[in-house]
Amino acid sequence: MGQKLKRVTPVMVAAVCASVFSWSHAQAQGVSLQEQLASQYKVVKMGSDTSGYSVIEAGTLLAVQKGGILGVPYSDTSILSTKYESGTVHTPSNLLSKGIGFGMKRFGKEQTTHLFQVGDKVYPSKIEVNPNKDSVAMLIVACDTCNKTDPPTYNKAQVVFQFPKGSLAKASAGEIEDTIGQLLAISDDSQQDQGGGGQQGQNAQQGGQDQQGGQQQAEQPQAEPQTIQMGMTTDQVQAAMGKPMKVVNLGPKQIYVYKDLKVTFLGGKVADVQ
């Protein structure tokens, strides 16, 4: 006897379809969110030579809003994650930092950590959305020229934005950006290098345009005043004054109403001007 086939019921089909749809929807949401955040936060491009590390192409400039983000020099390979959850910054414990430091000493190097201060400027260097863990991880690098750090260290840190379970798949990019902005807000200074050096450049540019416009107006000769004479036709008046705002048609008598005057025609010719 052959193996008995199990009957597939409509309920079982619906359950499988719902499962596939849920998985596909979550995947699509994750990809979409990743792309939207990537377009909002331009990552920095770093390079290095014999003199050390440097910024090749600046990213979106962010300003630190709360203290507690633990960073390390850009050259270090070991980095601890600072968690941001429910409006609170969870700095990695000292024991973990010392553990990394002990491991670094084994290679003849002392681990150096740095706590970012409120107001420090940083660039995003990597963004990762993890829908399964309801988290968004952002790697940041200090803008040493903005922070006037000398010599430059380009301290880096990883911040993990933790969201309530199951909420990331339903959240919009705007909601995620609002949460990120509570800790790393897009800086107003990010526009300073655009449009001729920020607000001062814009003001100077606007002033130049106004001055240029004033010169052009001054150079233009004044137009001859328009005159209306008795006996002019309606076409001649329109050629001189333009189309009237209103036309009053009283048969043989017509009145053209302009902003500052009224022209009366009798038999198609100017008879009176008021």
Protein backbone atom coordinates (compact mmCIF):
# COMPACT_ATOMS: atom_id res chain seq x y z
CA MET A 1 0.00 0.00 0.00
CA GLY A 2 1.35 3.47 -0.78
CA GLN A 3 1.82 6.11 1.87
CA LYS A 4 -1.40 7.88 2.72
CA LEU A 5 -1.39 11.51 1.58
CA LYS A 6 -2.21 14.11 4.15
CA ARG A 7 -5.13 16.29 3.22
CA VAL A 8 -4.28 19.97 2.77
CA THR A 9 -7.04 22.16 4.18
CA PRO A 10 -7.76 25.82 3.33
CA VAL A 11 -6.73 26.77 6.87
CA MET A 12 -3.28 25.24 6.36
CA VAL A 13 -2.85 27.07 3.04
CA ALA A 14 -3.86 30.36 4.64
CA ALA A 15 -1.40 29.84 7.48
CA VAL A 16 1.48 29.16 5.10
CA CYS A 17 0.62 32.18 2.95
CA ALA A 18 0.41 34.42 6.00
CA SER A 19 3.80 33.21 7.18
CA VAL A 20 5.42 33.82 3.80
CA PHE A 21 3.79 37.26 3.52
CA SER A 22 4.91 38.23 7.02
CA TRP A 23 8.51 37.19 6.30
CA SER A 24 8.55 38.95 2.92
CA HIS A 25 7.02 42.10 4.41
CA ALA A 26 9.60 42.19 7.18
CA GLN A 27 12.42 41.72 4.69
CA ALA A 28 11.07 44.47 2.46
CA GLN A 29 10.68 46.78 5.43
CA GLY A 30 14.26 46.13 6.54
CA VAL A 31 15.69 46.84 3.09
CA SER A 32 13.54 49.94 2.64
CA LEU A 33 14.51 51.31 6.04
CA GLN A 34 18.19 50.62 5.38
CA GLU A 35 18.03 52.51 2.10
CA GLN A 36 16.15 55.45 3.57
CA LEU A 37 18.57 55.84 6.46
CA ALA A 38 21.51 55.54 4.08
CA SER A 39 20.12 58.39 2.00
CA GLN A 40 19.54 60.53 5.10
CA TYR A 41 22.96 59.94 6.69
CA LYS A 42 25.82 60.22 4.22
CA VAL A 43 28.77 58.20 5.54
CA VAL A 44 32.27 59.65 5.76
CA LYS A 45 35.08 58.31 3.60
CA MET A 46 38.36 57.84 5.46
CA GLY A 47 41.85 57.29 4.05
CA SER A 48 45.36 56.82 5.37
CA ASP A 49 48.96 57.40 4.38
CA THR A 50 52.30 57.52 6.16
CA SER A 51 51.15 60.54 8.18
CA GLY A 52 48.06 58.74 9.52
CA TYR A 53 44.33 58.82 8.92
CA SER A 54 42.38 61.63 7.32
CA VAL A 55 38.93 62.45 5.98
CA ILE A 56 38.76 62.03 2.20
CA GLU A 57 35.10 62.96 1.85
CA ALA A 58 33.02 64.40 4.67
CA GLY A 59 29.69 62.84 5.60
CA THR A 60 26.59 64.23 7.27
CA LEU A 61 27.75 66.26 10.26
CA LEU A 62 26.10 65.17 13.52
CA ALA A 63 26.19 66.83 16.93
CA VAL A 64 26.28 64.74 20.13
CA GLN A 65 23.26 65.58 22.30
CA LYS A 66 23.98 63.42 25.36
CA GLY A 67 27.16 62.30 27.06
CA GLY A 68 28.21 58.70 27.60
CA ILE A 69 29.28 57.54 24.12
CA LEU A 70 32.54 55.63 24.57
CA GLY A 71 35.03 55.85 21.72
CA VAL A 72 38.50 54.61 20.85
CA PRO A 73 41.15 55.87 18.40
CA TYR A 74 40.36 55.14 14.77
CA SER A 75 43.36 52.83 14.47
CA ASP A 76 42.07 50.45 17.16
CA THR A 77 40.36 47.30 15.95
CA SER A 78 38.52 46.65 19.24
CA ILE A 79 35.43 48.74 19.90
CA LEU A 80 32.62 48.48 22.45
CA SER A 81 29.01 49.33 21.70
CA THR A 82 27.21 52.13 23.47
CA LYS A 83 23.50 51.33 23.69
CA TYR A 84 20.77 53.95 23.46
CA GLU A 85 17.39 52.72 24.66
CA SER A 86 14.27 54.53 25.89
CA GLY A 87 16.09 57.86 25.95
CA THR A 88 18.99 56.59 28.06
CA VAL A 89 22.64 56.18 27.10
CA HIS A 90 24.15 52.92 28.40
CA THR A 91 27.91 53.34 28.43
CA PRO A 92 30.01 50.14 28.30
CA SER A 93 31.19 49.14 31.77
CA ASN A 94 34.73 49.85 32.98
CA LEU A 95 35.34 46.13 33.39
CA LEU A 96 34.77 45.55 29.69
CA SER A 97 37.02 48.48 28.83
CA LYS A 98 39.75 47.15 31.06
CA GLY A 99 39.31 43.74 29.51
CA ILE A 100 40.00 45.17 26.09
CA GLY A 101 42.92 47.13 27.53
CA PHE A 102 44.42 43.98 29.00
CA GLY A 103 44.14 42.27 25.63
CA MET A 104 45.82 45.22 23.94
CA LYS A 105 48.69 45.15 26.45
CA ARG A 106 49.49 41.63 25.36
CA PHE A 107 50.40 43.13 21.99
CA GLY A 108 52.46 45.89 23.57
CA LYS A 109 49.81 48.58 23.18
CA GLU A 110 47.80 50.45 25.80
CA GLN A 111 44.08 50.81 25.10
CA THR A 112 42.88 54.43 25.10
CA THR A 113 39.20 55.28 25.47
CA HIS A 114 37.42 58.57 24.99
CA LEU A 115 34.01 59.79 26.13
CA PHE A 116 32.39 62.07 23.59
CA GLN A 117 31.13 65.33 25.04
CA VAL A 118 27.83 67.07 24.38
CA GLY A 119 28.29 69.27 21.35
CA ASP A 120 31.08 67.21 19.79
CA LYS A 121 30.73 66.88 16.02
CA VAL A 122 30.94 63.43 14.40
CA TYR A 123 30.37 61.74 11.06
CA PRO A 124 28.48 58.48 10.48
CA SER A 125 30.75 55.88 8.89
CA LYS A 126 28.41 52.89 8.79
CA ILE A 127 24.71 52.19 9.38
CA GLU A 128 23.20 48.74 9.88
CA VAL A 129 19.52 47.90 10.37
CA ASN A 130 18.80 44.62 12.13
CA PRO A 131 15.03 43.95 12.14
CA ASN A 132 15.49 40.61 13.94
CA LYS A 133 17.06 42.36 16.93
CA ASP A 134 15.00 45.56 16.58
CA SER A 135 18.16 47.64 16.50
CA VAL A 136 19.97 50.15 14.33
CA ALA A 137 23.73 50.32 14.74
CA MET A 138 25.66 53.43 13.70
CA LEU A 139 29.43 53.66 13.63
CA ILE A 140 30.62 57.26 14.10
CA VAL A 141 33.96 59.03 13.65
CA ALA A 142 34.92 62.33 15.29
CA CYS A 143 35.25 65.42 13.11
CA ASP A 144 38.57 66.57 14.58
CA THR A 145 38.71 69.77 12.55
CA CYS A 146 35.23 70.69 13.84
CA ASN A 147 36.16 69.83 17.42
CA LYS A 148 39.61 71.49 17.08
CA THR A 149 41.34 68.30 18.22
CA ASP A 150 45.11 68.57 17.83
CA PRO A 151 46.80 66.25 17.18
CA PRO A 152 43.92 64.48 15.43
CA THR A 153 42.84 61.06 16.71
CA TYR A 154 39.61 60.50 14.79
CA ASN A 155 38.06 58.68 17.73
CA LYS A 156 35.36 56.28 16.68
CA ALA A 157 32.45 54.66 18.49
CA GLN A 158 29.55 52.35 17.79
CA VAL A 159 26.08 53.32 18.98
CA VAL A 160 23.29 50.74 19.00
CA PHE A 161 19.79 52.23 19.02
CA GLN A 162 17.58 49.62 20.64
CA PHE A 163 13.83 49.64 19.94
CA PRO A 164 10.98 47.72 21.62
CA LYS A 165 10.50 44.17 20.45
CA GLY A 166 8.64 43.93 17.16
CA SER A 167 8.50 47.70 16.62
CA LEU A 168 11.29 48.19 14.08
CA ALA A 169 9.48 46.33 11.28
CA LYS A 170 6.49 48.67 11.67
CA ALA A 171 8.39 51.92 12.24
CA SER A 172 8.84 54.54 9.55
CA ALA A 173 12.20 56.03 8.63
CA GLY A 174 11.09 59.34 10.13
CA GLU A 175 10.42 57.74 13.50
CA ILE A 176 13.84 56.07 13.49
CA GLU A 177 15.53 59.34 12.53
CA ASP A 178 13.74 61.13 15.38
CA THR A 179 15.13 58.59 17.85
CA ILE A 180 18.63 58.85 16.41
CA GLY A 181 18.34 62.64 16.56
CA GLN A 182 17.78 62.49 20.31
CA LEU A 183 21.42 61.41 20.65
CA LEU A 184 23.02 62.36 17.33
CA ALA A 185 21.26 65.33 15.77
CA ILE A 186 22.09 66.61 12.30
CA SER A 187 24.20 69.71 12.90
CA ASP A 188 23.27 73.13 11.55
CA ASP A 189 26.95 73.51 10.62
CA SER A 190 26.54 70.81 7.97
CA GLN A 191 25.47 73.52 5.50
CA GLN A 192 28.43 75.83 6.11
CA ASP A 193 30.53 74.39 3.33
CA GLN A 194 27.68 74.65 0.85
CA GLY A 195 26.36 77.66 -1.01
CA GLY A 196 29.42 79.84 -0.49
CA GLY A 197 30.26 79.19 3.15
CA GLY A 198 27.01 78.85 5.09
CA GLN A 199 24.80 81.73 6.16
CA GLN A 200 27.50 84.36 5.71
CA GLY A 201 28.13 83.11 2.19
CA GLN A 202 24.42 83.11 1.46
CA ASN A 203 24.09 86.65 2.80
CA ALA A 204 27.05 87.80 0.71
CA GLN A 205 25.66 86.05 -2.35
CA GLN A 206 22.24 87.61 -1.80
CA GLY A 207 23.83 91.01 -1.28
CA GLY A 208 25.75 90.65 -4.54
CA GLN A 209 22.59 89.71 -6.39
CA ASP A 210 20.72 92.70 -4.91
CA GLN A 211 23.58 95.03 -5.83
CA GLN A 212 23.75 93.62 -9.34
CA GLY A 213 19.99 93.97 -9.71
CA GLY A 214 20.18 97.57 -8.51
CA GLN A 215 22.91 98.37 -11.04
CA GLN A 216 20.87 96.83 -13.84
CA GLN A 217 17.86 98.88 -12.84
CA ALA A 218 19.99 102.02 -12.68
CA GLU A 219 21.47 101.35 -16.11
CA GLN A 220 18.07 100.86 -17.74
CA PRO A 221 16.79 104.10 -19.31
CA GLN A 222 13.46 105.35 -18.05
CA ALA A 223 10.59 104.62 -20.40
CA GLU A 224 8.81 107.51 -22.06
CA PRO A 225 5.49 108.35 -20.37
CA GLN A 226 2.46 106.99 -22.19
CA THR A 227 0.06 109.55 -23.58
CA ILE A 228 -3.58 109.29 -24.61
CA GLN A 229 -4.99 111.78 -27.05
CA MET A 230 -8.46 112.62 -28.11
CA GLY A 231 -9.56 110.64 -31.15
CA MET A 232 -7.31 107.64 -30.52
CA THR A 233 -8.87 104.26 -31.30
CA THR A 234 -9.29 101.41 -28.83
CA ASP A 235 -6.40 99.54 -30.43
CA GLN A 236 -4.10 102.58 -30.10
CA VAL A 237 -5.01 102.97 -26.41
CA GLN A 238 -4.35 99.30 -25.72
CA ALA A 239 -1.01 99.54 -27.53
CA ALA A 240 -0.04 102.43 -25.26
CA MET A 241 -1.63 101.35 -21.95
CA GLY A 242 -2.09 97.60 -22.28
CA LYS A 243 -5.27 95.67 -21.67
CA PRO A 244 -7.72 97.42 -19.32
CA MET A 245 -8.70 95.95 -15.97
CA LYS A 246 -12.38 96.31 -16.87
CA VAL A 247 -14.42 97.17 -19.96
CA VAL A 248 -17.87 98.82 -19.68
CA ASN A 249 -19.79 98.37 -22.92
CA LEU A 250 -22.73 100.74 -23.37
CA GLY A 251 -23.33 100.26 -27.09
CA PRO A 252 -21.77 103.22 -28.93
CA LYS A 253 -20.13 104.23 -25.66
CA GLN A 254 -17.34 102.18 -24.12
CA ILE A 255 -15.30 102.79 -20.97
CA TYR A 256 -11.84 101.25 -20.40
CA VAL A 257 -11.02 101.13 -16.69
CA TYR A 258 -7.31 101.13 -15.75
CA LYS A 259 -5.70 101.29 -12.33
CA ASP A 260 -5.36 105.08 -12.28
CA LEU A 261 -7.71 106.31 -14.97
CA LYS A 262 -10.81 105.74 -17.08
CA VAL A 263 -10.93 106.22 -20.83
CA THR A 264 -14.29 106.85 -22.50
CA PHE A 265 -14.82 106.03 -26.19
CA LEU A 266 -17.63 107.28 -28.44
CA GLY A 267 -17.89 105.57 -31.77
CA GLY A 268 -14.65 103.72 -31.11
CA LYS A 269 -12.55 106.84 -30.46
CA VAL A 270 -11.38 108.56 -27.26
CA ALA A 271 -13.88 111.16 -26.11
CA ASP A 272 -12.91 111.64 -22.48
CA VAL A 273 -10.15 110.65 -19.99
CA GLN A 274 -10.59 110.80 -16.22
